[in-house]
Amino acid sequence: MTKYIIQYVFFLALITGLISSCKKKTPENIGLDLLPDVDLLNATFTDTATLVTHTVKDDSLKTDEAAPLLLGNINDPIFGITRSSIFTQFSLPTTNPSFGANPVLDSAVLSLAYNSGQYYGTLDPQKFEVYELSEMMSIGSSYYSNTMLQYQTTQQIGSATITPDVTNTIMVGTDTFPAHLRIKLSGGFFQNFLTNSNYTSSYNSNANFQTAFKGIYIKSSSDTTNAGAILYMNITDTYSRLTLYYKNDTDTLLHSYYFDISKTDCARFSHFEHVYTPASDISSQLSTANTIQASYVYVQPMAGVRTKITMPYLSDFFKNGRVTINKAELILPVEPSSVSTAFSAHAKLVATIADNTLGPVVMPDYFEGATYFGGDYDATNKVYKFNIARYVQQVLNGTKENQGLYIITNARPTTANRVQLIGGNQSIPNHMRLKITYTPLE
């Protein structure tokens, strides 16, 4: 667990740290403060360093209280099937509610607000299913992308086949609500919430209510008919809730009472699954040693896959004399055919040290700031670029072990965009390369 906590803290820093940094330099100036200006005339470059590239499985990610949470299934022609589901508790907006005399349920509805119209894939119909949890959740616990809680598998408490509309508002009666996923739930089950003492007696506190009703599991059962989409759900929106509509003998009005998801006393997280069997190249790489050169490599968030780059001869490359590394530009070209309107490339990648114990570890170049470090997707040229001069210099100086690199996506728990890169096979045009500008010291 310590490993995952270290990684989680690191990636929280990546989300904000790439935007601002305490120190900024232009790539061309790195290392140049060591040399008089005249020595720049002796600078040269090489881009023939061997890069061995391979796709490897990513680690699980901490997803509790992530924002947004991801929901839905996608059938990607290159990356196979990805499924994202949600576990969540509910809380009481008020304690000890009164439902009037002889309340009778009209309907029960689960609503989940979309996050600013975001999704990945195509908005094909998907069947969403809702189940009651049989295992307690706790706001103080940590939940990961591979965590699976027990639920009542034989009893659905709601389902709906929906073509998601992530942008348009929805009219409910005479009221207008933001775009949201709306699933009608079992009337027979939720009538108990109005009249069954097992539930009504628990309304005196959130703790008692969350013991009586442990929460729900929401998933899509759609897989292969259409491409599908991963939907970005704004669980912290006040309209992400479970609403009971009911009548009583007190009056003739239709009343409503809702159970909240958005409050901070609700545990919630995303669960991710990947099936790479249809993705033959990825599947093959995951079952072979990462020292084998792959012509194409893959990077996927949601605890999917990452690219391992090994530079086996980096130290030998400059063994004939000491050098100052002025710039070390890692160039990651995207396979053009892998990018489309439905499957856009990830907005930002992150280059990390491939630590044998800790996994992806922040690079020294990262602290030079986002402008220096790079990683943004150049959609015009379909490429990502990083400057890793400090890392290369430290490897050459012997102060840092040459463990290679991991290429991962930014915001791994909360985004779905993936990318196929051209690997380090030098026989392929526009292959991945490391362009090093350096000045000999002796």
Protein backbone atom coordinates (compact mmCIF):
# COMPACT_ATOMS: atom_id res chain seq x y z
CA MET A 1 0.00 0.00 0.00
CA THR A 2 2.93 2.35 0.69
CA LYS A 3 3.91 2.12 -2.95
CA TYR A 4 0.49 3.31 -4.07
CA ILE A 5 0.40 6.16 -1.54
CA ILE A 6 3.76 7.42 -2.80
CA GLN A 7 2.53 7.23 -6.39
CA TYR A 8 -0.73 8.98 -5.54
CA VAL A 9 1.06 11.89 -3.88
CA PHE A 10 3.39 12.15 -6.87
CA PHE A 11 0.56 12.28 -9.39
CA LEU A 12 -1.37 14.84 -7.40
CA ALA A 13 1.73 16.99 -7.76
CA LEU A 14 1.84 16.32 -11.51
CA ILE A 15 -1.68 17.64 -12.04
CA THR A 16 -0.84 21.05 -10.61
CA GLY A 17 2.93 21.15 -10.87
CA LEU A 18 3.06 21.06 -14.65
CA ILE A 19 1.07 24.28 -14.69
CA SER A 20 3.46 26.25 -12.55
CA SER A 21 6.92 25.75 -11.11
CA CYS A 22 9.24 27.59 -8.81
CA LYS A 23 11.91 27.75 -11.49
CA LYS A 24 11.85 28.18 -15.27
CA LYS A 25 14.56 27.95 -17.93
CA THR A 26 14.49 27.63 -21.66
CA PRO A 27 15.73 24.24 -22.89
CA GLU A 28 18.63 25.75 -24.76
CA ASN A 29 20.15 27.21 -21.58
CA ILE A 30 20.40 24.03 -19.54
CA GLY A 31 24.03 23.35 -18.71
CA LEU A 32 25.24 26.41 -20.61
CA ASP A 33 25.96 28.32 -17.43
CA LEU A 34 28.97 26.00 -17.08
CA LEU A 35 30.59 27.18 -20.30
CA PRO A 36 31.89 30.43 -21.74
CA ASP A 37 29.86 31.66 -24.74
CA VAL A 38 32.61 30.84 -27.19
CA ASP A 39 32.30 27.14 -26.36
CA LEU A 40 28.82 27.04 -27.88
CA LEU A 41 30.56 26.89 -31.25
CA ASN A 42 31.74 23.41 -30.30
CA ALA A 43 28.26 22.11 -29.49
CA THR A 44 27.00 19.25 -31.61
CA PHE A 45 24.06 16.88 -31.59
CA THR A 46 23.14 13.25 -32.17
CA ASP A 47 19.82 11.48 -32.53
CA THR A 48 21.09 7.93 -33.05
CA ALA A 49 20.88 6.75 -29.43
CA THR A 50 19.22 3.35 -29.16
CA LEU A 51 15.74 3.44 -27.60
CA VAL A 52 14.15 0.09 -26.79
CA THR A 53 10.40 0.60 -26.45
CA HIS A 54 7.78 -1.76 -25.05
CA THR A 55 4.25 -1.57 -23.65
CA VAL A 56 3.77 -2.64 -20.02
CA LYS A 57 0.82 -2.81 -17.62
CA ASP A 58 0.19 0.24 -15.48
CA ASP A 59 -0.40 0.08 -11.71
CA SER A 60 -3.77 0.49 -10.05
CA LEU A 61 -4.75 4.06 -9.18
CA LYS A 62 -6.36 5.66 -6.14
CA THR A 63 -9.79 6.78 -7.37
CA ASP A 64 -11.80 7.56 -4.24
CA GLU A 65 -13.17 11.10 -4.23
CA ALA A 66 -11.68 11.65 -7.70
CA ALA A 67 -13.39 14.29 -9.82
CA PRO A 68 -14.86 13.57 -12.24
CA LEU A 69 -15.72 9.90 -11.84
CA LEU A 70 -15.78 7.84 -15.03
CA LEU A 71 -18.66 5.62 -16.14
CA GLY A 72 -19.38 3.51 -19.21
CA ASN A 73 -17.84 0.99 -21.59
CA ILE A 74 -15.82 1.62 -24.72
CA ASN A 75 -14.82 -0.81 -27.47
CA ASP A 76 -11.65 0.67 -28.94
CA PRO A 77 -10.39 -0.88 -32.20
CA ILE A 78 -6.78 -0.41 -31.05
CA PHE A 79 -6.94 -0.69 -27.24
CA GLY A 80 -9.67 -3.28 -26.79
CA ILE A 81 -12.47 -3.01 -24.22
CA THR A 82 -12.39 -0.64 -21.26
CA ARG A 83 -15.08 -0.63 -18.57
CA SER A 84 -15.58 1.96 -15.86
CA SER A 85 -18.14 1.63 -13.07
CA ILE A 86 -18.94 3.62 -9.94
CA PHE A 87 -19.45 2.71 -6.29
CA THR A 88 -21.04 5.35 -4.09
CA GLN A 89 -22.76 6.00 -0.78
CA PHE A 90 -25.56 8.49 -0.16
CA SER A 91 -26.13 10.97 2.64
CA LEU A 92 -29.21 12.62 4.14
CA PRO A 93 -29.88 16.26 3.25
CA THR A 94 -31.95 16.52 6.46
CA THR A 95 -32.38 14.15 9.36
CA ASN A 96 -35.71 12.70 10.49
CA PRO A 97 -37.77 13.65 7.41
CA SER A 98 -41.56 13.36 7.54
CA PHE A 99 -43.28 11.75 4.54
CA GLY A 100 -46.80 12.46 5.74
CA ALA A 101 -49.66 10.01 6.28
CA ASN A 102 -49.51 6.76 4.31
CA PRO A 103 -46.82 7.76 1.81
CA VAL A 104 -46.88 5.87 -1.50
CA LEU A 105 -43.94 5.96 -3.90
CA ASP A 106 -44.64 7.35 -7.34
CA SER A 107 -41.12 6.78 -8.71
CA ALA A 108 -37.47 6.65 -7.71
CA VAL A 109 -34.80 8.14 -9.98
CA LEU A 110 -31.00 8.13 -9.91
CA SER A 111 -29.56 11.23 -11.57
CA LEU A 112 -25.85 11.73 -12.29
CA ALA A 113 -24.77 15.09 -13.73
CA TYR A 114 -22.41 15.10 -16.70
CA ASN A 115 -19.15 16.97 -16.29
CA SER A 116 -19.29 19.91 -18.74
CA GLY A 117 -20.24 17.70 -21.67
CA GLN A 118 -17.07 15.59 -21.49
CA TYR A 119 -16.88 12.06 -22.84
CA TYR A 120 -14.47 9.84 -24.79
CA GLY A 121 -15.62 7.66 -27.67
CA THR A 122 -19.01 7.79 -29.37
CA LEU A 123 -22.39 8.46 -27.75
CA ASP A 124 -23.94 5.12 -28.66
CA PRO A 125 -26.74 3.60 -26.55
CA GLN A 126 -25.55 1.85 -23.40
CA LYS A 127 -27.46 -0.20 -20.86
CA PHE A 128 -26.76 1.01 -17.33
CA GLU A 129 -27.51 -1.22 -14.36
CA VAL A 130 -27.78 -0.36 -10.65
CA TYR A 131 -27.24 -2.78 -7.75
CA GLU A 132 -27.44 -2.44 -3.98
CA LEU A 133 -24.15 -2.83 -2.10
CA SER A 134 -23.85 -5.55 0.52
CA GLU A 135 -20.46 -4.34 1.73
CA MET A 136 -19.94 -1.21 3.81
CA MET A 137 -17.97 1.75 2.49
CA SER A 138 -16.09 4.23 4.65
CA ILE A 139 -15.13 7.82 3.91
CA GLY A 140 -11.87 7.24 5.77
CA SER A 141 -10.80 4.28 3.61
CA SER A 142 -8.73 4.33 0.43
CA TYR A 143 -10.23 2.81 -2.71
CA TYR A 144 -8.34 1.95 -5.87
CA SER A 145 -9.23 1.36 -9.48
CA ASN A 146 -9.05 -2.42 -8.96
CA THR A 147 -11.15 -2.41 -5.75
CA MET A 148 -14.33 -4.46 -6.12
CA LEU A 149 -16.97 -4.35 -3.38
CA GLN A 150 -19.63 -6.98 -2.78
CA TYR A 151 -23.08 -6.20 -4.14
CA GLN A 152 -26.43 -7.96 -4.58
CA THR A 153 -25.64 -9.55 -7.94
CA THR A 154 -29.01 -11.25 -8.34
CA GLN A 155 -31.18 -8.21 -7.66
CA GLN A 156 -31.04 -5.18 -9.91
CA ILE A 157 -32.63 -2.13 -8.35
CA GLY A 158 -32.64 -0.21 -11.62
CA SER A 159 -31.64 -0.31 -15.27
CA ALA A 160 -32.06 1.77 -18.40
CA THR A 161 -30.80 1.75 -21.97
CA ILE A 162 -29.76 5.31 -22.70
CA THR A 163 -28.20 7.25 -25.55
CA PRO A 164 -26.25 9.79 -23.51
CA ASP A 165 -26.95 13.47 -24.18
CA VAL A 166 -24.13 15.22 -22.36
CA THR A 167 -24.98 18.81 -23.32
CA ASN A 168 -28.73 19.51 -23.33
CA THR A 169 -30.74 20.37 -20.24
CA ILE A 170 -33.59 18.10 -19.13
CA MET A 171 -37.14 19.10 -18.24
CA VAL A 172 -38.62 17.28 -15.24
CA GLY A 173 -42.18 18.44 -14.91
CA THR A 174 -41.93 22.21 -15.16
CA ASP A 175 -38.37 22.34 -13.84
CA THR A 176 -35.17 22.52 -15.91
CA PHE A 177 -32.09 20.61 -14.80
CA PRO A 178 -28.55 20.37 -16.18
CA ALA A 179 -27.63 17.54 -18.57
CA HIS A 180 -27.54 14.31 -16.63
CA LEU A 181 -27.82 10.54 -16.83
CA ARG A 182 -31.26 9.55 -15.53
CA ILE A 183 -32.06 5.98 -14.46
CA LYS A 184 -35.46 4.93 -13.11
CA LEU A 185 -35.14 2.64 -10.09
CA SER A 186 -37.25 -0.15 -8.63
CA GLY A 187 -40.47 1.18 -7.10
CA GLY A 188 -40.96 -1.93 -4.99
CA PHE A 189 -37.51 -1.63 -3.44
CA PHE A 190 -37.65 2.10 -2.71
CA GLN A 191 -41.20 2.04 -1.27
CA ASN A 192 -39.38 0.59 1.74
CA PHE A 193 -37.55 3.89 2.16
CA LEU A 194 -40.90 5.56 2.96
CA THR A 195 -42.54 2.93 5.15
CA ASN A 196 -40.12 0.19 6.26
CA SER A 197 -38.76 0.85 9.75
CA ASN A 198 -35.44 -0.77 8.83
CA TYR A 199 -34.83 2.37 6.75
CA THR A 200 -37.02 5.06 8.30
CA SER A 201 -35.57 4.46 11.77
CA SER A 202 -32.08 5.14 10.36
CA TYR A 203 -32.87 8.69 9.24
CA ASN A 204 -31.66 10.17 12.53
CA SER A 205 -28.01 10.23 11.33
CA ASN A 206 -25.89 9.66 8.22
CA ALA A 207 -23.94 6.92 9.95
CA ASN A 208 -27.09 4.93 10.71
CA PHE A 209 -28.53 5.53 7.24
CA GLN A 210 -25.32 4.43 5.50
CA THR A 211 -25.39 1.26 7.60
CA ALA A 212 -29.00 0.52 6.63
CA PHE A 213 -28.43 1.41 2.96
CA LYS A 214 -24.79 0.80 2.13
CA GLY A 215 -24.92 2.41 -1.30
CA ILE A 216 -25.03 1.36 -4.94
CA TYR A 217 -22.91 -0.05 -7.75
CA ILE A 218 -23.50 1.48 -11.22
CA LYS A 219 -22.16 -0.19 -14.34
CA SER A 220 -22.71 -0.45 -18.07
CA SER A 221 -23.40 -3.92 -19.46
CA SER A 222 -22.75 -2.82 -23.07
CA ASP A 223 -19.52 -4.05 -24.64
CA THR A 224 -19.12 -4.90 -28.29
CA THR A 225 -22.07 -3.80 -30.43
CA ASN A 226 -20.88 -0.19 -30.82
CA ALA A 227 -17.78 1.76 -29.90
CA GLY A 228 -19.46 3.29 -26.84
CA ALA A 229 -18.01 5.95 -24.60
CA ILE A 230 -16.50 6.66 -21.23
CA LEU A 231 -18.67 9.38 -19.67
CA TYR A 232 -17.31 11.99 -17.26
CA MET A 233 -19.71 12.27 -14.32
CA ASN A 234 -19.80 15.30 -12.01
CA ILE A 235 -20.65 13.50 -8.80
CA THR A 236 -20.08 16.66 -6.75
CA ASP A 237 -22.89 18.47 -8.59
CA THR A 238 -25.90 18.95 -6.31
CA TYR A 239 -28.12 17.24 -8.87
CA SER A 240 -26.17 14.00 -8.62
CA ARG A 241 -28.63 12.33 -6.27
CA LEU A 242 -31.27 9.67 -5.68
CA THR A 243 -34.78 11.20 -5.62
CA LEU A 244 -37.99 9.68 -4.28
CA TYR A 245 -41.24 11.07 -5.71
CA TYR A 246 -44.27 10.19 -3.59
CA LYS A 247 -47.82 11.05 -2.59
CA ASN A 248 -49.58 10.76 0.76
CA ASP A 249 -52.99 11.15 2.40
CA THR A 250 -52.05 14.54 3.85
CA ASP A 251 -52.65 16.35 0.55
CA THR A 252 -52.89 15.74 -3.20
CA LEU A 253 -49.43 17.04 -4.11
CA LEU A 254 -46.54 15.08 -5.58
CA HIS A 255 -43.70 15.39 -3.07
CA SER A 256 -40.00 14.63 -3.43
CA TYR A 257 -37.13 13.78 -1.13
CA TYR A 258 -33.58 13.16 -2.27
CA PHE A 259 -30.48 11.40 -0.96
CA ASP A 260 -27.25 13.24 -1.75
CA ILE A 261 -24.00 11.99 -3.35
CA SER A 262 -22.17 15.30 -3.60
CA LYS A 263 -21.44 15.85 0.08
CA THR A 264 -18.03 15.14 1.57
CA ASP A 265 -19.44 12.46 3.90
CA CYS A 266 -20.05 10.10 0.96
CA ALA A 267 -17.38 7.59 -0.04
CA ARG A 268 -17.29 7.06 -3.82
CA PHE A 269 -14.82 5.78 -6.41
CA SER A 270 -14.39 4.48 -9.96
CA HIS A 271 -13.54 0.88 -10.78
CA PHE A 272 -11.66 0.17 -14.04
CA GLU A 273 -11.35 -3.00 -16.10
CA HIS A 274 -9.42 -3.58 -19.35
CA VAL A 275 -9.73 -6.47 -21.80
CA TYR A 276 -6.79 -6.49 -24.21
CA THR A 277 -7.60 -9.78 -25.94
CA PRO A 278 -9.03 -7.96 -29.00
CA ALA A 279 -5.96 -5.68 -29.05
CA SER A 280 -3.46 -8.24 -30.36
CA ASP A 281 -0.37 -6.01 -30.35
CA ILE A 282 -0.91 -4.78 -26.80
CA SER A 283 -1.79 -8.27 -25.61
CA SER A 284 1.39 -9.66 -27.16
CA GLN A 285 3.60 -7.00 -25.58
CA LEU A 286 2.07 -7.50 -22.13
CA SER A 287 2.99 -11.19 -22.29
CA THR A 288 6.62 -10.67 -23.37
CA ALA A 289 9.74 -9.15 -21.80
CA ASN A 290 9.99 -5.36 -21.83
CA THR A 291 13.49 -5.61 -23.30
CA ILE A 292 12.00 -6.65 -26.66
CA GLN A 293 11.81 -3.82 -29.18
CA ALA A 294 8.24 -2.99 -30.21
CA SER A 295 7.52 -0.99 -33.34
CA TYR A 296 4.42 0.61 -31.80
CA VAL A 297 3.78 1.32 -28.14
CA TYR A 298 0.75 2.42 -26.17
CA VAL A 299 -0.16 4.78 -23.35
CA GLN A 300 -3.55 4.65 -21.64
CA PRO A 301 -4.93 6.20 -18.44
CA MET A 302 -7.44 4.48 -16.10
CA ALA A 303 -4.76 2.03 -14.87
CA GLY A 304 -4.34 0.74 -18.42
CA VAL A 305 -0.90 0.56 -20.04
CA ARG A 306 2.22 2.69 -20.19
CA THR A 307 5.31 2.76 -22.40
CA LYS A 308 8.71 1.63 -21.09
CA ILE A 309 11.73 3.22 -22.80
CA THR A 310 15.13 1.66 -22.17
CA MET A 311 18.33 3.44 -23.22
CA PRO A 312 20.86 0.62 -22.82
CA TYR A 313 23.88 2.35 -24.37
CA LEU A 314 23.39 5.88 -23.10
CA SER A 315 26.50 5.93 -20.89
CA ASP A 316 28.62 4.21 -23.54
CA PHE A 317 27.63 6.83 -26.07
CA PHE A 318 29.87 9.42 -24.44
CA LYS A 319 32.49 7.10 -22.93
CA ASN A 320 35.37 8.80 -24.80
CA GLY A 321 35.11 12.04 -22.84
CA ARG A 322 33.09 14.18 -20.48
CA VAL A 323 30.33 16.30 -22.00
CA THR A 324 27.83 18.90 -20.93
CA ILE A 325 24.29 18.12 -22.08
CA ASN A 326 22.79 21.33 -23.45
CA LYS A 327 19.52 19.73 -24.45
CA ALA A 328 18.12 16.20 -24.62
CA GLU A 329 14.89 16.23 -26.59
CA LEU A 330 12.82 13.07 -26.36
CA ILE A 331 10.57 13.02 -29.44
CA LEU A 332 7.47 10.78 -29.30
CA PRO A 333 5.63 10.66 -32.66
CA VAL A 334 2.00 9.54 -32.67
CA GLU A 335 0.80 6.91 -35.12
CA PRO A 336 -1.44 9.17 -37.29
CA SER A 337 -4.06 6.52 -38.09
CA SER A 338 -4.77 6.00 -34.37
CA VAL A 339 -6.17 9.52 -33.93
CA SER A 340 -9.76 10.36 -34.86
CA THR A 341 -12.64 12.52 -33.70
CA ALA A 342 -13.87 9.74 -31.41
CA PHE A 343 -10.40 8.65 -30.27
CA SER A 344 -8.42 11.84 -29.80
CA ALA A 345 -4.89 11.72 -28.41
CA HIS A 346 -4.31 12.60 -24.78
CA ALA A 347 -3.68 16.29 -24.17
CA LYS A 348 -0.55 15.72 -22.08
CA LEU A 349 1.89 12.90 -21.44
CA VAL A 350 4.38 12.70 -18.60
CA ALA A 351 7.91 11.27 -18.81
CA THR A 352 9.02 9.64 -15.55
CA ILE A 353 11.92 7.58 -14.28
CA ALA A 354 11.16 3.85 -14.42
CA ASP A 355 12.13 3.09 -10.84
CA ASN A 356 12.32 -0.65 -10.25
CA THR A 357 10.79 -0.34 -6.78
CA LEU A 358 8.48 2.68 -6.81
CA GLY A 359 7.30 2.63 -10.41
CA PRO A 360 7.02 6.03 -12.17
CA VAL A 361 9.12 8.61 -10.31
CA VAL A 362 9.34 12.33 -11.02
CA MET A 363 12.27 13.41 -13.19
CA PRO A 364 14.69 16.22 -12.22
CA ASP A 365 13.71 18.07 -15.42
CA TYR A 366 10.08 18.22 -14.28
CA PHE A 367 10.97 20.83 -11.66
CA GLU A 368 12.25 23.19 -14.36
CA GLY A 369 8.63 23.98 -15.25
CA ALA A 370 6.10 22.97 -17.90
CA THR A 371 7.55 25.18 -20.66
CA TYR A 372 10.97 23.58 -20.24
CA PHE A 373 9.83 20.01 -19.58
CA GLY A 374 7.17 19.70 -22.29
CA GLY A 375 4.70 16.88 -22.76
CA ASP A 376 1.81 18.74 -24.42
CA TYR A 377 0.31 17.17 -27.53
CA ASP A 378 1.20 18.96 -30.76
CA ALA A 379 -1.94 18.17 -32.80
CA THR A 380 -0.55 19.75 -35.96
CA ASN A 381 2.57 17.59 -36.09
CA LYS A 382 1.11 14.70 -34.06
CA VAL A 383 4.00 14.52 -31.63
CA TYR A 384 4.93 14.94 -27.97
CA LYS A 385 8.32 16.35 -26.93
CA PHE A 386 10.20 16.39 -23.64
CA ASN A 387 13.50 17.91 -22.60
CA ILE A 388 15.23 15.46 -20.24
CA ALA A 389 18.70 17.08 -20.26
CA ARG A 390 19.17 17.05 -16.49
CA TYR A 391 18.28 13.36 -16.27
CA VAL A 392 20.69 12.45 -19.09
CA GLN A 393 23.44 14.55 -17.52
CA GLN A 394 23.00 12.83 -14.15
CA VAL A 395 23.10 9.40 -15.78
CA LEU A 396 26.35 10.31 -17.56
CA ASN A 397 27.80 11.72 -14.34
CA GLY A 398 26.94 8.50 -12.51
CA THR A 399 24.73 10.26 -9.95
CA LYS A 400 21.56 8.62 -11.21
CA GLU A 401 21.01 5.03 -12.29
CA ASN A 402 19.99 4.45 -15.90
CA GLN A 403 16.70 2.67 -15.22
CA GLY A 404 14.96 3.95 -18.32
CA LEU A 405 11.69 5.85 -18.55
CA TYR A 406 7.97 5.31 -18.21
CA ILE A 407 5.65 7.38 -20.39
CA ILE A 408 2.25 7.83 -18.75
CA THR A 409 -0.71 10.14 -19.22
CA ASN A 410 -1.49 13.11 -17.05
CA ALA A 411 -4.60 12.85 -14.79
CA ARG A 412 -4.68 9.06 -15.07
CA PRO A 413 -7.71 8.42 -12.77
CA THR A 414 -9.98 11.04 -14.34
CA THR A 415 -9.42 10.92 -18.12
CA ALA A 416 -9.90 8.27 -20.80
CA ASN A 417 -7.90 9.56 -23.82
CA ARG A 418 -5.25 7.11 -24.98
CA VAL A 419 -2.46 7.33 -27.56
CA GLN A 420 -0.52 4.99 -29.85
CA LEU A 421 3.10 6.01 -30.33
CA ILE A 422 5.64 5.00 -32.96
CA GLY A 423 8.32 3.09 -31.07
CA GLY A 424 12.09 3.11 -31.18
CA ASN A 425 12.56 0.69 -34.08
CA GLN A 426 14.97 2.68 -36.26
CA SER A 427 13.86 0.90 -39.42
CA ILE A 428 10.48 2.65 -39.20
CA PRO A 429 10.22 6.19 -40.59
CA ASN A 430 9.57 8.89 -38.01
CA HIS A 431 10.46 6.54 -35.17
CA MET A 432 10.84 7.65 -31.55
CA ARG A 433 14.24 9.25 -30.90
CA LEU A 434 16.37 11.12 -28.41
CA LYS A 435 18.05 14.17 -29.90
CA ILE A 436 20.97 15.21 -27.70
CA THR A 437 22.78 18.54 -28.06
CA TYR A 438 26.07 18.49 -26.12
CA THR A 439 29.43 20.18 -25.72
CA PRO A 440 32.64 18.22 -25.05
CA LEU A 441 34.47 19.33 -21.89
CA GLU A 442 37.82 17.81 -22.78
